[in-house]
Structure formats: C-alpha cells, structure tokens
Amino acid sequence: MKSAKYNFRRKENKEKTVYKLVMYPREGSGIKGAYNNSKGNRVVVIYGYYNKLDYGLQMLRNMVQRHREKLNLAMIYAKPNLNPNQTDFSEIIEKFTN
C-alpha cells in the first residue's frame, strides 16, 4: 500500500486528484505508510483521481473493503464538484466504521 508521500511524486498527479481516502489503522495492524497527524492519530492517506482506472473512487472503496478488519475508521473525501482546481477536500462521500 502506498502512502500519500509516494502518491504525489509527479506534479501532474497532484493537480488531477479529486478524492482523498483517510484510513485510521488499528494498533498492530501491520499497515505500512501510516504516520501521526496533527491530532496524534495514526493515519494513512491515499489520493484518487477522477478519470484514472487504477486510482479512482472504486479503487479507494476496494482498498477499504480489503483492509476493513485492520481499520477503526475510513473516510473518502472529495473536492467540491470534483474540480481538481480546488485546494481542499471538503465533501465527505463515504464513511466506513467498525
């Protein structure tokens, strides 16, 4: 699983992203790429792209389903109107809890 810092190596990918998956793994889950956010929670962030088959919305959903037993919480955010020119991910599309 790639974390956010590896997902944005190319500048064009950063400009095309419209989805953001934030996963909160359980302790001892073995999920790599997790880091502590500003609130002190361990998180994994993966970005999704609008018209990319490998990292679109369905891929993010599949990733949550695959790792569901290892997660406390997962949320998929989107930019307003799926516009890649927006700066923030303000809309919550889906929320998965265990």
PDB file of N, CA and C in Angstrom:
ATOM      1  N   MET A   1       0.848  -1.176   0.000  1.00  0.00           N
ATOM      2  CA  MET A   1       0.000   0.000   0.000  1.00  0.00           C
ATOM      3  C   MET A   1       0.892   1.237   0.000  1.00  0.00           C
ATOM      4  N   LYS A   2       0.629   2.144  -0.898  1.00  0.00           N
ATOM      5  CA  LYS A   2       1.421   3.356  -0.984  1.00  0.00           C
ATOM      6  C   LYS A   2       0.779   4.450  -0.151  1.00  0.00           C
ATOM      7  N   SER A   3       1.603   5.179   0.560  1.00  0.00           N
ATOM      8  CA  SER A   3       1.069   6.294   1.336  1.00  0.00           C
ATOM      9  C   SER A   3       1.082   7.550   0.477  1.00  0.00           C
ATOM     10  N   ALA A   4       0.604   8.638   1.036  1.00  0.00           N
ATOM     11  CA  ALA A   4       0.420   9.871   0.285  1.00  0.00           C
ATOM     12  C   ALA A   4       1.727  10.437  -0.244  1.00  0.00           C
ATOM     13  N   LYS A   5       2.805  10.316   0.500  1.00  0.00           N
ATOM     14  CA  LYS A   5       4.044  10.936   0.032  1.00  0.00           C
ATOM     15  C   LYS A   5       4.560  10.267  -1.237  1.00  0.00           C
ATOM     16  N   TYR A   6       4.272   8.989  -1.437  1.00  0.00           N
ATOM     17  CA  TYR A   6       4.676   8.313  -2.662  1.00  0.00           C
ATOM     18  C   TYR A   6       3.669   8.550  -3.782  1.00  0.00           C
ATOM     19  N   ASN A   7       2.459   8.863  -3.429  1.00  0.00           N
ATOM     20  CA  ASN A   7       1.391   9.031  -4.399  1.00  0.00           C
ATOM     21  C   ASN A   7       1.504  10.343  -5.167  1.00  0.00           C
ATOM     22  N   PHE A   8       2.255  11.288  -4.672  1.00  0.00           N
ATOM     23  CA  PHE A   8       2.341  12.618  -5.295  1.00  0.00           C
ATOM     24  C   PHE A   8       3.726  12.931  -5.827  1.00  0.00           C
ATOM     25  N   ARG A   9       4.452  11.957  -6.308  1.00  0.00           N
ATOM     26  CA  ARG A   9       5.793  12.225  -6.820  1.00  0.00           C
ATOM     27  C   ARG A   9       5.765  13.080  -8.069  1.00  0.00           C
ATOM     28  N   ARG A  10       4.765  12.908  -8.897  1.00  0.00           N
ATOM     29  CA  ARG A  10       4.666  13.700 -10.124  1.00  0.00           C
ATOM     30  C   ARG A  10       3.712  14.857  -9.902  1.00  0.00           C
ATOM     31  N   LYS A  11       4.105  16.020 -10.358  1.00  0.00           N
ATOM     32  CA  LYS A  11       3.289  17.207 -10.148  1.00  0.00           C
ATOM     33  C   LYS A  11       1.945  17.105 -10.857  1.00  0.00           C
ATOM     34  N   GLU A  12       1.910  16.480 -12.039  1.00  0.00           N
ATOM     35  CA  GLU A  12       0.645  16.399 -12.770  1.00  0.00           C
ATOM     36  C   GLU A  12      -0.368  15.549 -12.011  1.00  0.00           C
ATOM     37  N   ASN A  13       0.078  14.540 -11.274  1.00  0.00           N
ATOM     38  CA  ASN A  13      -0.842  13.740 -10.479  1.00  0.00           C
ATOM     39  C   ASN A  13      -1.460  14.561  -9.352  1.00  0.00           C
ATOM     40  N   LYS A  14      -0.676  15.420  -8.741  1.00  0.00           N
ATOM     41  CA  LYS A  14      -1.201  16.258  -7.663  1.00  0.00           C
ATOM     42  C   LYS A  14      -2.268  17.212  -8.185  1.00  0.00           C
ATOM     43  N   GLU A  15      -2.119  17.664  -9.407  1.00  0.00           N
ATOM     44  CA  GLU A  15      -3.081  18.602  -9.970  1.00  0.00           C
ATOM     45  C   GLU A  15      -4.356  17.925 -10.442  1.00  0.00           C
ATOM     46  N   LYS A  16      -4.355  16.597 -10.652  1.00  0.00           N
ATOM     47  CA  LYS A  16      -5.532  15.888 -11.149  1.00  0.00           C
ATOM     48  C   LYS A  16      -6.333  15.199 -10.046  1.00  0.00           C
ATOM     49  N   THR A  17      -5.862  15.194  -8.826  1.00  0.00           N
ATOM     50  CA  THR A  17      -6.533  14.460  -7.765  1.00  0.00           C
ATOM     51  C   THR A  17      -7.841  15.120  -7.359  1.00  0.00           C
ATOM     52  N   VAL A  18      -8.865  14.306  -7.111  1.00  0.00           N
ATOM     53  CA  VAL A  18     -10.155  14.839  -6.654  1.00  0.00           C
ATOM     54  C   VAL A  18     -10.691  14.075  -5.443  1.00  0.00           C
ATOM     55  N   TYR A  19     -10.119  12.903  -5.113  1.00  0.00           N
ATOM     56  CA  TYR A  19     -10.567  12.118  -3.962  1.00  0.00           C
ATOM     57  C   TYR A  19      -9.423  11.935  -2.978  1.00  0.00           C
ATOM     58  N   LYS A  20      -9.779  11.806  -1.716  1.00  0.00           N
ATOM     59  CA  LYS A  20      -8.780  11.543  -0.684  1.00  0.00           C
ATOM     60  C   LYS A  20      -9.343  10.512   0.276  1.00  0.00           C
ATOM     61  N   LEU A  21      -8.642   9.412   0.441  1.00  0.00           N
ATOM     62  CA  LEU A  21      -9.024   8.365   1.375  1.00  0.00           C
ATOM     63  C   LEU A  21      -8.165   8.511   2.614  1.00  0.00           C
ATOM     64  N   VAL A  22      -8.804   8.643   3.770  1.00  0.00           N
ATOM     65  CA  VAL A  22      -8.102   8.728   5.047  1.00  0.00           C
ATOM     66  C   VAL A  22      -8.498   7.508   5.861  1.00  0.00           C
ATOM     67  N   MET A  23      -7.507   6.675   6.193  1.00  0.00           N
ATOM     68  CA  MET A  23      -7.759   5.457   6.965  1.00  0.00           C
ATOM     69  C   MET A  23      -7.061   5.556   8.311  1.00  0.00           C
ATOM     70  N   TYR A  24      -7.758   5.128   9.345  1.00  0.00           N
ATOM     71  CA  TYR A  24      -7.222   5.097  10.695  1.00  0.00           C
ATOM     72  C   TYR A  24      -6.987   3.638  11.084  1.00  0.00           C
ATOM     73  N   PRO A  25      -5.738   3.127  10.932  1.00  0.00           N
ATOM     74  CA  PRO A  25      -5.492   1.716  11.217  1.00  0.00           C
ATOM     75  C   PRO A  25      -5.465   1.427  12.715  1.00  0.00           C
ATOM     76  N   ARG A  26      -5.810   0.200  13.066  1.00  0.00           N
ATOM     77  CA  ARG A  26      -5.740  -0.243  14.453  1.00  0.00           C
ATOM     78  C   ARG A  26      -4.287  -0.466  14.839  1.00  0.00           C
ATOM     79  N   GLU A  27      -4.022  -0.442  16.135  1.00  0.00           N
ATOM     80  CA  GLU A  27      -2.675  -0.729  16.616  1.00  0.00           C
ATOM     81  C   GLU A  27      -2.311  -2.159  16.276  1.00  0.00           C
ATOM     82  N   GLY A  28      -1.110  -2.372  15.788  1.00  0.00           N
ATOM     83  CA  GLY A  28      -0.641  -3.699  15.443  1.00  0.00           C
ATOM     84  C   GLY A  28      -1.248  -4.262  14.181  1.00  0.00           C
ATOM     85  N   SER A  29      -1.850  -3.416  13.346  1.00  0.00           N
ATOM     86  CA  SER A  29      -2.492  -3.899  12.123  1.00  0.00           C
ATOM     87  C   SER A  29      -1.482  -4.278  11.049  1.00  0.00           C
ATOM     88  N   GLY A  30      -0.283  -3.720  11.116  1.00  0.00           N
ATOM     89  CA  GLY A  30       0.740  -4.029  10.134  1.00  0.00           C
ATOM     90  C   GLY A  30       0.636  -3.231   8.848  1.00  0.00           C
ATOM     91  N   ILE A  31      -0.224  -2.233   8.806  1.00  0.00           N
ATOM     92  CA  ILE A  31      -0.354  -1.390   7.610  1.00  0.00           C
ATOM     93  C   ILE A  31       0.800  -0.399   7.591  1.00  0.00           C
ATOM     94  N   LYS A  32       1.583  -0.449   6.521  1.00  0.00           N
ATOM     95  CA  LYS A  32       2.734   0.446   6.402  1.00  0.00           C
ATOM     96  C   LYS A  32       2.301   1.756   5.757  1.00  0.00           C
ATOM     97  N   GLY A  33       3.121   2.763   5.929  1.00  0.00           N
ATOM     98  CA  GLY A  33       2.832   4.058   5.343  1.00  0.00           C
ATOM     99  C   GLY A  33       2.034   4.956   6.259  1.00  0.00           C
ATOM    100  N   ALA A  34       1.721   4.483   7.473  1.00  0.00           N
ATOM    101  CA  ALA A  34       0.953   5.296   8.412  1.00  0.00           C
ATOM    102  C   ALA A  34       1.870   6.319   9.084  1.00  0.00           C
ATOM    103  N   TYR A  35       1.307   7.466   9.375  1.00  0.00           N
ATOM    104  CA  TYR A  35       2.033   8.497  10.105  1.00  0.00           C
ATOM    105  C   TYR A  35       1.074   9.144  11.086  1.00  0.00           C
ATOM    106  N   ASN A  36       1.596   9.921  12.024  1.00  0.00           N
ATOM    107  CA  ASN A  36       0.752  10.598  13.004  1.00  0.00           C
ATOM    108  C   ASN A  36       0.355  11.963  12.457  1.00  0.00           C
ATOM    109  N   ASN A  37      -0.953  12.251  12.506  1.00  0.00           N
ATOM    110  CA  ASN A  37      -1.416  13.554  12.034  1.00  0.00           C
ATOM    111  C   ASN A  37      -1.288  14.578  13.152  1.00  0.00           C
ATOM    112  N   SER A  38      -1.801  15.768  12.935  1.00  0.00           N
ATOM    113  CA  SER A  38      -1.659  16.847  13.920  1.00  0.00           C
ATOM    114  C   SER A  38      -2.405  16.569  15.215  1.00  0.00           C
ATOM    115  N   LYS A  39      -3.416  15.683  15.184  1.00  0.00           N
ATOM    116  CA  LYS A  39      -4.157  15.327  16.389  1.00  0.00           C
ATOM    117  C   LYS A  39      -3.552  14.129  17.111  1.00  0.00           C
ATOM    118  N   GLY A  40      -2.474  13.571  16.574  1.00  0.00           N
ATOM    119  CA  GLY A  40      -1.810  12.440  17.202  1.00  0.00           C
ATOM    120  C   GLY A  40      -2.357  11.087  16.801  1.00  0.00           C
ATOM    121  N   ASN A  41      -3.269  11.036  15.848  1.00  0.00           N
ATOM    122  CA  ASN A  41      -3.821   9.766  15.376  1.00  0.00           C
ATOM    123  C   ASN A  41      -2.955   9.199  14.259  1.00  0.00           C
ATOM    124  N   ARG A  42      -2.849   7.864  14.223  1.00  0.00           N
ATOM    125  CA  ARG A  42      -2.150   7.213  13.116  1.00  0.00           C
ATOM    126  C   ARG A  42      -3.087   7.177  11.920  1.00  0.00           C
ATOM    127  N   VAL A  43      -2.632   7.698  10.787  1.00  0.00           N
ATOM    128  CA  VAL A  43      -3.463   7.745   9.587  1.00  0.00           C
ATOM    129  C   VAL A  43      -2.662   7.300   8.372  1.00  0.00           C
ATOM    130  N   VAL A  44      -3.389   6.818   7.370  1.00  0.00           N
ATOM    131  CA  VAL A  44      -2.848   6.536   6.044  1.00  0.00           C
ATOM    132  C   VAL A  44      -3.705   7.328   5.074  1.00  0.00           C
ATOM    133  N   VAL A  45      -3.060   8.121   4.218  1.00  0.00           N
ATOM    134  CA  VAL A  45      -3.780   8.952   3.252  1.00  0.00           C
ATOM    135  C   VAL A  45      -3.405   8.503   1.851  1.00  0.00           C
ATOM    136  N   ILE A  46      -4.427   8.236   1.029  1.00  0.00           N
ATOM    137  CA  ILE A  46      -4.216   7.858  -0.363  1.00  0.00           C
ATOM    138  C   ILE A  46      -5.135   8.722  -1.212  1.00  0.00           C
ATOM    139  N   TYR A  47      -4.607   9.243  -2.309  1.00  0.00           N
ATOM    140  CA  TYR A  47      -5.365  10.129  -3.177  1.00  0.00           C
ATOM    141  C   TYR A  47      -5.890   9.379  -4.384  1.00  0.00           C
ATOM    142  N   GLY A  48      -7.052   9.791  -4.865  1.00  0.00           N
ATOM    143  CA  GLY A  48      -7.672   9.192  -6.036  1.00  0.00           C
ATOM    144  C   GLY A  48      -7.897  10.235  -7.109  1.00  0.00           C
ATOM    145  N   TYR A  49      -7.977   9.756  -8.338  1.00  0.00           N
ATOM    146  CA  TYR A  49      -8.073  10.636  -9.490  1.00  0.00           C
ATOM    147  C   TYR A  49      -9.392  10.401 -10.207  1.00  0.00           C
ATOM    148  N   TYR A  50      -9.890  11.392 -10.869  1.00  0.00           N
ATOM    149  CA  TYR A  50     -11.226  11.339 -11.451  1.00  0.00           C
ATOM    150  C   TYR A  50     -11.333  10.340 -12.595  1.00  0.00           C
ATOM    151  N   ASN A  51     -10.467  10.408 -13.553  1.00  0.00           N
ATOM    152  CA  ASN A  51     -10.582   9.550 -14.735  1.00  0.00           C
ATOM    153  C   ASN A  51      -9.443   8.551 -14.836  1.00  0.00           C
ATOM    154  N   LYS A  52      -8.907   8.103 -13.722  1.00  0.00           N
ATOM    155  CA  LYS A  52      -7.824   7.136 -13.742  1.00  0.00           C
ATOM    156  C   LYS A  52      -8.358   5.806 -13.275  1.00  0.00           C
ATOM    157  N   LEU A  53      -8.204   4.774 -14.072  1.00  0.00           N
ATOM    158  CA  LEU A  53      -8.755   3.471 -13.725  1.00  0.00           C
ATOM    159  C   LEU A  53      -8.084   2.867 -12.501  1.00  0.00           C
ATOM    160  N   ASP A  54      -6.784   3.098 -12.321  1.00  0.00           N
ATOM    161  CA  ASP A  54      -6.087   2.442 -11.220  1.00  0.00           C
ATOM    162  C   ASP A  54      -6.285   3.148  -9.890  1.00  0.00           C
ATOM    163  N   TYR A  55      -6.510   4.414  -9.869  1.00  0.00           N
ATOM    164  CA  TYR A  55      -6.707   5.115  -8.595  1.00  0.00           C
ATOM    165  C   TYR A  55      -7.920   6.029  -8.637  1.00  0.00           C
ATOM    166  N   GLY A  56      -9.051   5.487  -8.983  1.00  0.00           N
ATOM    167  CA  GLY A  56     -10.291   6.226  -8.963  1.00  0.00           C
ATOM    168  C   GLY A  56     -11.069   5.920  -7.690  1.00  0.00           C
ATOM    169  N   LEU A  57     -12.305   6.320  -7.653  1.00  0.00           N
ATOM    170  CA  LEU A  57     -13.154   6.130  -6.481  1.00  0.00           C
ATOM    171  C   LEU A  57     -13.374   4.653  -6.174  1.00  0.00           C
ATOM    172  N   GLN A  58     -13.601   3.837  -7.194  1.00  0.00           N
ATOM    173  CA  GLN A  58     -13.843   2.411  -6.955  1.00  0.00           C
ATOM    174  C   GLN A  58     -12.608   1.728  -6.367  1.00  0.00           C
ATOM    175  N   MET A  59     -11.432   2.138  -6.787  1.00  0.00           N
ATOM    176  CA  MET A  59     -10.197   1.579  -6.231  1.00  0.00           C
ATOM    177  C   MET A  59     -10.064   1.920  -4.756  1.00  0.00           C
ATOM    178  N   LEU A  60     -10.437   3.132  -4.378  1.00  0.00           N
ATOM    179  CA  LEU A  60     -10.371   3.517  -2.966  1.00  0.00           C
ATOM    180  C   LEU A  60     -11.367   2.705  -2.138  1.00  0.00           C
ATOM    181  N   ARG A  61     -12.573   2.496  -2.670  1.00  0.00           N
ATOM    182  CA  ARG A  61     -13.564   1.666  -1.969  1.00  0.00           C
ATOM    183  C   ARG A  61     -13.058   0.234  -1.799  1.00  0.00           C
ATOM    184  N   ASN A  62     -12.468  -0.311  -2.847  1.00  0.00           N
ATOM    185  CA  ASN A  62     -11.931  -1.668  -2.782  1.00  0.00           C
ATOM    186  C   ASN A  62     -10.826  -1.778  -1.743  1.00  0.00           C
ATOM    187  N   MET A  63     -10.005  -0.749  -1.635  1.00  0.00           N
ATOM    188  CA  MET A  63      -8.916  -0.760  -0.670  1.00  0.00           C
ATOM    189  C   MET A  63      -9.452  -0.781   0.757  1.00  0.00           C
ATOM    190  N   VAL A  64     -10.523  -0.041   1.004  1.00  0.00           N
ATOM    191  CA  VAL A  64     -11.144  -0.051   2.333  1.00  0.00           C
ATOM    192  C   VAL A  64     -11.736  -1.423   2.622  1.00  0.00           C
ATOM    193  N   GLN A  65     -12.426  -2.008   1.669  1.00  0.00           N
ATOM    194  CA  GLN A  65     -13.028  -3.323   1.875  1.00  0.00           C
ATOM    195  C   GLN A  65     -11.966  -4.392   2.118  1.00  0.00           C
ATOM    196  N   ARG A  66     -10.860  -4.302   1.433  1.00  0.00           N
ATOM    197  CA  ARG A  66      -9.789  -5.280   1.575  1.00  0.00           C
ATOM    198  C   ARG A  66      -9.154  -5.230   2.960  1.00  0.00           C
ATOM    199  N   HIS A  67      -9.033  -4.029   3.542  1.00  0.00           N
ATOM    200  CA  HIS A  67      -8.368  -3.850   4.833  1.00  0.00           C
ATOM    201  C   HIS A  67      -9.341  -3.525   5.957  1.00  0.00           C
ATOM    202  N   ARG A  68     -10.604  -3.807   5.780  1.00  0.00           N
ATOM    203  CA  ARG A  68     -11.632  -3.386   6.729  1.00  0.00           C
ATOM    204  C   ARG A  68     -11.393  -3.886   8.155  1.00  0.00           C
ATOM    205  N   GLU A  69     -10.930  -5.119   8.321  1.00  0.00           N
ATOM    206  CA  GLU A  69     -10.729  -5.661   9.663  1.00  0.00           C
ATOM    207  C   GLU A  69      -9.530  -5.034  10.367  1.00  0.00           C
ATOM    208  N   LYS A  70      -8.674  -4.338   9.642  1.00  0.00           N
ATOM    209  CA  LYS A  70      -7.498  -3.697  10.218  1.00  0.00           C
ATOM    210  C   LYS A  70      -7.728  -2.222  10.538  1.00  0.00           C
ATOM    211  N   LEU A  71      -8.921  -1.703  10.233  1.00  0.00           N
ATOM    212  CA  LEU A  71      -9.181  -0.268  10.365  1.00  0.00           C
ATOM    213  C   LEU A  71     -10.202   0.033  11.454  1.00  0.00           C
ATOM    214  N   ASN A  72     -10.003   1.132  12.143  1.00  0.00           N
ATOM    215  CA  ASN A  72     -11.014   1.653  13.057  1.00  0.00           C
ATOM    216  C   ASN A  72     -12.021   2.512  12.312  1.00  0.00           C
ATOM    217  N   LEU A  73     -11.539   3.304  11.379  1.00  0.00           N
ATOM    218  CA  LEU A  73     -12.370   4.262  10.661  1.00  0.00           C
ATOM    219  C   LEU A  73     -11.709   4.571   9.319  1.00  0.00           C
ATOM    220  N   ALA A  74     -12.520   4.788   8.305  1.00  0.00           N
ATOM    221  CA  ALA A  74     -12.024   5.227   6.997  1.00  0.00           C
ATOM    222  C   ALA A  74     -13.040   6.185   6.401  1.00  0.00           C
ATOM    223  N   MET A  75     -12.548   7.252   5.771  1.00  0.00           N
ATOM    224  CA  MET A  75     -13.421   8.241   5.151  1.00  0.00           C
ATOM    225  C   MET A  75     -12.870   8.613   3.783  1.00  0.00           C
ATOM    226  N   ILE A  76     -13.773   8.765   2.826  1.00  0.00           N
ATOM    227  CA  ILE A  76     -13.389   9.223   1.491  1.00  0.00           C
ATOM    228  C   ILE A  76     -13.926  10.649   1.329  1.00  0.00           C
ATOM    229  N   TYR A  77     -13.002  11.567   1.086  1.00  0.00           N
ATOM    230  CA  TYR A  77     -13.347  12.966   0.862  1.00  0.00           C
ATOM    231  C   TYR A  77     -13.253  13.274  -0.623  1.00  0.00           C
ATOM    232  N   ALA A  78     -13.927  14.335  -1.050  1.00  0.00           N
ATOM    233  CA  ALA A  78     -13.844  14.792  -2.437  1.00  0.00           C
ATOM    234  C   ALA A  78     -13.742  16.314  -2.451  1.00  0.00           C
ATOM    235  N   LYS A  79     -13.175  16.808  -3.533  1.00  0.00           N
ATOM    236  CA  LYS A  79     -13.146  18.254  -3.731  1.00  0.00           C
ATOM    237  C   LYS A  79     -14.520  18.699  -4.218  1.00  0.00           C
ATOM    238  N   PRO A  80     -14.924  19.939  -3.935  1.00  0.00           N
ATOM    239  CA  PRO A  80     -16.235  20.421  -4.373  1.00  0.00           C
ATOM    240  C   PRO A  80     -16.415  20.293  -5.882  1.00  0.00           C
ATOM    241  N   ASN A  81     -17.515  19.695  -6.301  1.00  0.00           N
ATOM    242  CA  ASN A  81     -17.866  19.479  -7.715  1.00  0.00           C
ATOM    243  C   ASN A  81     -16.815  18.673  -8.475  1.00  0.00           C
ATOM    244  N   LEU A  82     -16.005  17.908  -7.758  1.00  0.00           N
ATOM    245  CA  LEU A  82     -14.917  17.113  -8.354  1.00  0.00           C
ATOM    246  C   LEU A  82     -14.015  17.976  -9.235  1.00  0.00           C
ATOM    247  N   ASN A  83     -13.762  19.175  -8.778  1.00  0.00           N
ATOM    248  CA  ASN A  83     -12.949  20.135  -9.519  1.00  0.00           C
ATOM    249  C   ASN A  83     -11.505  20.060  -9.030  1.00  0.00           C
ATOM    250  N   PRO A  84     -10.563  19.611  -9.860  1.00  0.00           N
ATOM    251  CA  PRO A  84      -9.181  19.495  -9.404  1.00  0.00           C
ATOM    252  C   PRO A  84      -8.508  20.826  -9.117  1.00  0.00           C
ATOM    253  N   ASN A  85      -9.111  21.936  -9.533  1.00  0.00           N
ATOM    254  CA  ASN A  85      -8.520  23.245  -9.261  1.00  0.00           C
ATOM    255  C   ASN A  85      -8.800  23.735  -7.847  1.00  0.00           C
ATOM    256  N   GLN A  86      -9.711  23.076  -7.131  1.00  0.00           N
ATOM    257  CA  GLN A  86      -9.968  23.437  -5.734  1.00  0.00           C
ATOM    258  C   GLN A  86      -8.793  22.970  -4.876  1.00  0.00           C
ATOM    259  N   THR A  87      -8.623  23.605  -3.739  1.00  0.00           N
ATOM    260  CA  THR A  87      -7.474  23.265  -2.890  1.00  0.00           C
ATOM    261  C   THR A  87      -7.820  22.306  -1.763  1.00  0.00           C
ATOM    262  N   ASP A  88      -9.066  22.299  -1.303  1.00  0.00           N
ATOM    263  CA  ASP A  88      -9.394  21.487  -0.131  1.00  0.00           C
ATOM    264  C   ASP A  88     -10.363  20.366  -0.476  1.00  0.00           C
ATOM    265  N   PHE A  89     -10.296  19.312   0.334  1.00  0.00           N
ATOM    266  CA  PHE A  89     -11.212  18.179   0.220  1.00  0.00           C
ATOM    267  C   PHE A  89     -12.281  18.387   1.287  1.00  0.00           C
ATOM    268  N   SER A  90     -13.400  18.997   0.925  1.00  0.00           N
ATOM    269  CA  SER A  90     -14.374  19.403   1.934  1.00  0.00           C
ATOM    270  C   SER A  90     -15.613  18.528   1.987  1.00  0.00           C
ATOM    271  N   GLU A  91     -15.871  17.716   0.973  1.00  0.00           N
ATOM    272  CA  GLU A  91     -17.078  16.891   0.954  1.00  0.00           C
ATOM    273  C   GLU A  91     -16.747  15.461   1.371  1.00  0.00           C
ATOM    274  N   ILE A  92     -17.497  14.933   2.336  1.00  0.00           N
ATOM    275  CA  ILE A  92     -17.331  13.535   2.724  1.00  0.00           C
ATOM    276  C   ILE A  92     -18.281  12.706   1.867  1.00  0.00           C
ATOM    277  N   ILE A  93     -17.723  11.807   1.064  1.00  0.00           N
ATOM    278  CA  ILE A  93     -18.536  10.957   0.199  1.00  0.00           C
ATOM    279  C   ILE A  93     -19.005   9.725   0.948  1.00  0.00           C
ATOM    280  N   GLU A  94     -18.074   9.034   1.598  1.00  0.00           N
ATOM    281  CA  GLU A  94     -18.404   7.809   2.318  1.00  0.00           C
ATOM    282  C   GLU A  94     -17.626   7.731   3.607  1.00  0.00           C
ATOM    283  N   LYS A  95     -18.238   7.069   4.583  1.00  0.00           N
ATOM    284  CA  LYS A  95     -17.605   6.868   5.882  1.00  0.00           C
ATOM    285  C   LYS A  95     -17.767   5.402   6.258  1.00  0.00           C
ATOM    286  N   PHE A  96     -16.685   4.737   6.594  1.00  0.00           N
ATOM    287  CA  PHE A  96     -16.708   3.333   6.964  1.00  0.00           C
ATOM    288  C   PHE A  96     -16.256   3.210   8.418  1.00  0.00           C
ATOM    289  N   THR A  97     -17.049   2.542   9.247  1.00  0.00           N
ATOM    290  CA  THR A  97     -16.680   2.351  10.646  1.00  0.00           C
ATOM    291  C   THR A  97     -16.726   0.866  10.995  1.00  0.00           C
ATOM    292  N   ASN A  98     -15.980   0.512  12.015  1.00  0.00           N
ATOM    293  CA  ASN A  98     -16.008  -0.857  12.525  1.00  0.00           C
ATOM    294  C   ASN A  98     -16.420  -0.858  13.972  1.00  0.00           C
TER     295      ASN A  98
END
